[in-house]
Amino acid sequence: MVDKTGIGDAVVDEMQYTNIPNVEGVFLTEPVKEDILNHLKFVARALFFRLSIVVGVVVLAGGDSVFHQSVSGELYEWLLKEQKRRGADSIQKTVRQVLQEVKEARKDG
């Protein structure tokens, strides 16, 4: 999904011309922005719920291998990517960072 507002329409055309897969241009009107933010809130809440179930295991276990056995492969793979993106020393630190961000977002939303 690419914002077509302003010069974005030309960007979408260029991306489609260069055969970038799954390019969809969208005009970001207020209702579309609201839908996107509502979806992000839903995903953040779902992630917070899933992580809150296992965060005790992470803190108590003190090791990523035990944590890996406690969560789904999909969530663990996402956390590995987040760990790398954030430059965190461990998945435990990544979980703590994500949980803190979600808590802060819940306060704002």
C-alpha atoms as a PDB file:
ATOM      1  CA  MET A   1       0.000   0.000   0.000  1.00  0.00           C
ATOM      2  CA  VAL A   2       1.469   3.330  -1.096  1.00  0.00           C
ATOM      3  CA  ASP A   3       0.131   6.820  -0.441  1.00  0.00           C
ATOM      4  CA  LYS A   4      -1.016   8.326  -3.757  1.00  0.00           C
ATOM      5  CA  THR A   5      -1.671  11.753  -2.254  1.00  0.00           C
ATOM      6  CA  GLY A   6       0.301  14.559  -3.917  1.00  0.00           C
ATOM      7  CA  ILE A   7       3.208  13.222  -5.963  1.00  0.00           C
ATOM      8  CA  GLY A   8       2.537   9.718  -4.674  1.00  0.00           C
ATOM      9  CA  ASP A   9       0.501   8.867  -7.758  1.00  0.00           C
ATOM     10  CA  ALA A  10       3.655   9.096  -9.894  1.00  0.00           C
ATOM     11  CA  VAL A  11       5.553   6.990  -7.341  1.00  0.00           C
ATOM     12  CA  VAL A  12       2.891   4.259  -7.556  1.00  0.00           C
ATOM     13  CA  ASP A  13       3.067   4.328 -11.367  1.00  0.00           C
ATOM     14  CA  GLU A  14       6.853   3.994 -11.284  1.00  0.00           C
ATOM     15  CA  MET A  15       6.714   1.133  -8.774  1.00  0.00           C
ATOM     16  CA  GLN A  16       4.183  -0.704 -10.921  1.00  0.00           C
ATOM     17  CA  TYR A  17       6.226   0.008 -14.062  1.00  0.00           C
ATOM     18  CA  THR A  18       9.321  -1.548 -12.473  1.00  0.00           C
ATOM     19  CA  ASN A  19       7.261  -4.638 -11.572  1.00  0.00           C
ATOM     20  CA  ILE A  20       7.404  -4.287  -7.804  1.00  0.00           C
ATOM     21  CA  PRO A  21       4.879  -6.901  -6.652  1.00  0.00           C
ATOM     22  CA  ASN A  22       1.659  -6.142  -4.783  1.00  0.00           C
ATOM     23  CA  VAL A  23       1.764  -2.364  -5.197  1.00  0.00           C
ATOM     24  CA  GLU A  24      -1.545  -0.759  -4.382  1.00  0.00           C
ATOM     25  CA  GLY A  25      -2.015   2.997  -4.469  1.00  0.00           C
ATOM     26  CA  VAL A  26      -4.321   4.534  -1.874  1.00  0.00           C
ATOM     27  CA  PHE A  27      -5.390   8.116  -1.287  1.00  0.00           C
ATOM     28  CA  LEU A  28      -4.972   8.640   2.443  1.00  0.00           C
ATOM     29  CA  THR A  29      -8.214  10.357   3.287  1.00  0.00           C
ATOM     30  CA  GLU A  30      -9.238  10.770   6.915  1.00  0.00           C
ATOM     31  CA  PRO A  31     -11.442   7.616   6.894  1.00  0.00           C
ATOM     32  CA  VAL A  32      -8.598   5.555   5.383  1.00  0.00           C
ATOM     33  CA  LYS A  33      -6.128   6.895   7.971  1.00  0.00           C
ATOM     34  CA  GLU A  34      -8.606   6.054  10.716  1.00  0.00           C
ATOM     35  CA  ASP A  35      -9.010   2.505   9.377  1.00  0.00           C
ATOM     36  CA  ILE A  36      -5.240   2.024   9.259  1.00  0.00           C
ATOM     37  CA  LEU A  37      -4.769   3.327  12.803  1.00  0.00           C
ATOM     38  CA  ASN A  38      -7.632   1.190  14.117  1.00  0.00           C
ATOM     39  CA  HIS A  39      -6.052  -1.872  12.523  1.00  0.00           C
ATOM     40  CA  LEU A  40      -2.661  -1.011  14.033  1.00  0.00           C
ATOM     41  CA  LYS A  41      -4.277  -0.594  17.456  1.00  0.00           C
ATOM     42  CA  PHE A  42      -5.945  -3.991  17.077  1.00  0.00           C
ATOM     43  CA  VAL A  43      -2.658  -5.646  16.087  1.00  0.00           C
ATOM     44  CA  ALA A  44      -0.801  -3.938  18.947  1.00  0.00           C
ATOM     45  CA  ARG A  45      -3.419  -5.069  21.467  1.00  0.00           C
ATOM     46  CA  ALA A  46      -3.345  -8.631  20.124  1.00  0.00           C
ATOM     47  CA  LEU A  47       0.449  -8.666  20.271  1.00  0.00           C
ATOM     48  CA  PHE A  48       0.404  -7.212  23.776  1.00  0.00           C
ATOM     49  CA  PHE A  49      -2.016  -9.936  24.872  1.00  0.00           C
ATOM     50  CA  ARG A  50       0.097 -12.704  23.350  1.00  0.00           C
ATOM     51  CA  LEU A  51       3.307 -11.300  24.787  1.00  0.00           C
ATOM     52  CA  SER A  52       1.847 -10.655  28.212  1.00  0.00           C
ATOM     53  CA  ILE A  53       0.999 -14.348  28.495  1.00  0.00           C
ATOM     54  CA  VAL A  54       4.616 -15.378  28.024  1.00  0.00           C
ATOM     55  CA  VAL A  55       6.520 -12.424  29.438  1.00  0.00           C
ATOM     56  CA  GLY A  56       6.687 -14.099  32.839  1.00  0.00           C
ATOM     57  CA  VAL A  57       8.349 -17.096  31.235  1.00  0.00           C
ATOM     58  CA  VAL A  58      10.869 -14.829  29.533  1.00  0.00           C
ATOM     59  CA  VAL A  59      11.785 -12.984  32.698  1.00  0.00           C
ATOM     60  CA  LEU A  60      11.925 -16.055  34.908  1.00  0.00           C
ATOM     61  CA  ALA A  61      13.620 -18.382  32.444  1.00  0.00           C
ATOM     62  CA  GLY A  62      16.454 -16.013  31.609  1.00  0.00           C
ATOM     63  CA  GLY A  63      17.037 -17.653  28.276  1.00  0.00           C
ATOM     64  CA  ASP A  64      15.783 -17.397  24.724  1.00  0.00           C
ATOM     65  CA  SER A  65      15.576 -21.181  24.196  1.00  0.00           C
ATOM     66  CA  VAL A  66      12.917 -21.595  26.894  1.00  0.00           C
ATOM     67  CA  PHE A  67      11.071 -18.598  25.492  1.00  0.00           C
ATOM     68  CA  HIS A  68      11.153 -20.096  22.006  1.00  0.00           C
ATOM     69  CA  GLN A  69       9.379 -23.189  23.303  1.00  0.00           C
ATOM     70  CA  SER A  70       6.683 -21.012  24.890  1.00  0.00           C
ATOM     71  CA  VAL A  71       5.460 -19.082  21.856  1.00  0.00           C
ATOM     72  CA  SER A  72       4.324 -19.806  18.340  1.00  0.00           C
ATOM     73  CA  GLY A  73       6.950 -19.977  15.615  1.00  0.00           C
ATOM     74  CA  GLU A  74       5.413 -16.977  13.854  1.00  0.00           C
ATOM     75  CA  LEU A  75       5.666 -14.763  16.926  1.00  0.00           C
ATOM     76  CA  TYR A  76       9.188 -15.960  17.669  1.00  0.00           C
ATOM     77  CA  GLU A  77      10.316 -15.226  14.092  1.00  0.00           C
ATOM     78  CA  TRP A  78       8.804 -11.728  14.339  1.00  0.00           C
ATOM     79  CA  LEU A  79      10.630 -11.160  17.620  1.00  0.00           C
ATOM     80  CA  LEU A  80      13.919 -12.284  16.082  1.00  0.00           C
ATOM     81  CA  LYS A  81      13.450  -9.726  13.294  1.00  0.00           C
ATOM     82  CA  GLU A  82      12.572  -7.051  15.851  1.00  0.00           C
ATOM     83  CA  GLN A  83      15.628  -7.962  17.919  1.00  0.00           C
ATOM     84  CA  LYS A  84      17.853  -7.535  14.891  1.00  0.00           C
ATOM     85  CA  ARG A  85      16.120  -4.296  13.799  1.00  0.00           C
ATOM     86  CA  ARG A  86      16.437  -2.803  17.272  1.00  0.00           C
ATOM     87  CA  GLY A  87      19.967  -4.090  17.874  1.00  0.00           C
ATOM     88  CA  ALA A  88      18.871  -5.650  21.163  1.00  0.00           C
ATOM     89  CA  ASP A  89      21.134  -8.107  23.000  1.00  0.00           C
ATOM     90  CA  SER A  90      18.359 -10.632  23.551  1.00  0.00           C
ATOM     91  CA  ILE A  91      14.769 -11.402  22.762  1.00  0.00           C
ATOM     92  CA  GLN A  92      13.981 -10.638  26.399  1.00  0.00           C
ATOM     93  CA  LYS A  93      15.056  -7.034  25.894  1.00  0.00           C
ATOM     94  CA  THR A  94      13.076  -6.871  22.669  1.00  0.00           C
ATOM     95  CA  VAL A  95       9.942  -8.141  24.444  1.00  0.00           C
ATOM     96  CA  ARG A  96      10.386  -5.571  27.192  1.00  0.00           C
ATOM     97  CA  GLN A  97      10.832  -2.766  24.626  1.00  0.00           C
ATOM     98  CA  VAL A  98       7.766  -3.829  22.655  1.00  0.00           C
ATOM     99  CA  LEU A  99       5.645  -4.152  25.774  1.00  0.00           C
ATOM    100  CA  GLN A 100       6.725  -0.705  26.955  1.00  0.00           C
ATOM    101  CA  GLU A 101       5.846   0.800  23.568  1.00  0.00           C
ATOM    102  CA  VAL A 102       2.443  -0.884  23.572  1.00  0.00           C
ATOM    103  CA  LYS A 103       1.745   0.333  27.120  1.00  0.00           C
ATOM    104  CA  GLU A 104       2.648   3.881  26.093  1.00  0.00           C
ATOM    105  CA  ALA A 105       0.459   3.621  22.988  1.00  0.00           C
ATOM    106  CA  ARG A 106      -2.452   2.395  25.120  1.00  0.00           C
ATOM    107  CA  LYS A 107      -2.092   5.443  27.369  1.00  0.00           C
ATOM    108  CA  ASP A 108      -2.228   7.741  24.314  1.00  0.00           C
ATOM    109  CA  GLY A 109      -5.085   5.891  22.587  1.00  0.00           C
END
